[in-house]
Protein backbone atom coordinates (compact mmCIF):
# COMPACT_ATOMS: atom_id res chain seq x y z
CA MET A 1 98.79 109.11 96.34
CA THR A 2 97.44 111.23 93.65
CA VAL A 3 100.84 113.79 93.77
CA ALA A 4 102.82 110.61 92.95
CA PRO A 5 100.99 107.62 91.94
CA GLU A 6 104.21 106.12 90.75
CA VAL A 7 105.72 106.20 94.35
CA PHE A 8 102.44 105.63 96.43
CA GLU A 9 99.17 103.65 96.49
CA VAL A 10 96.09 103.70 98.91
CA ARG A 11 94.61 100.49 98.07
CA ASP A 12 91.21 99.25 99.41
CA ASP A 13 92.37 98.54 103.06
CA ASP A 14 93.01 102.28 103.27
CA MET A 15 96.64 101.44 103.74
CA LEU A 16 99.42 103.29 101.99
CA TYR A 17 101.85 101.28 100.15
CA VAL A 18 105.34 102.45 98.64
CA LEU A 19 105.94 101.18 95.12
CA ASP A 20 109.41 102.62 94.77
CA GLU A 21 111.33 103.12 97.97
CA GLN A 22 114.09 104.53 96.02
CA PRO A 23 112.59 106.91 93.41
CA SER A 24 114.46 108.47 90.69
CA PHE A 25 115.65 111.98 91.30
CA GLU A 26 113.13 113.21 88.73
CA LEU A 27 110.53 112.26 91.08
CA HIS A 28 111.82 113.82 94.02
CA ALA A 29 109.53 117.04 94.23
CA LYS A 30 106.65 114.97 93.69
CA VAL A 31 107.37 112.79 96.51
CA GLU A 32 108.21 115.65 98.72
CA ALA A 33 104.61 117.55 97.63
CA ALA A 34 103.26 114.07 98.43
CA ALA A 35 104.47 113.96 102.20
CA ARG A 36 103.64 117.77 102.71
CA ARG A 37 99.76 117.10 101.41
CA CYS A 38 99.17 113.40 103.02
CA PRO A 39 96.23 114.09 104.79
CA LYS A 40 96.77 111.24 107.40
CA LEU A 41 100.67 111.99 107.73
CA ALA A 42 101.53 108.67 106.50
CA ILE A 43 104.19 110.16 104.87
CA THR A 44 107.69 111.21 105.97
CA LEU A 45 111.11 111.41 104.05
CA GLU A 46 114.33 110.07 105.23
CA ARG A 47 117.57 111.34 103.75
């Protein structure tokens, strides 16, 4: 979440929420970094 807060949010229920399912091209590097760094492996990318 800290890597791409424009796209992901972790709420009080400790669940990850996707705020933007189709982020702009400019955010792709951040989204990929978030997927790599997610401690719970909750983020996967589809192309």
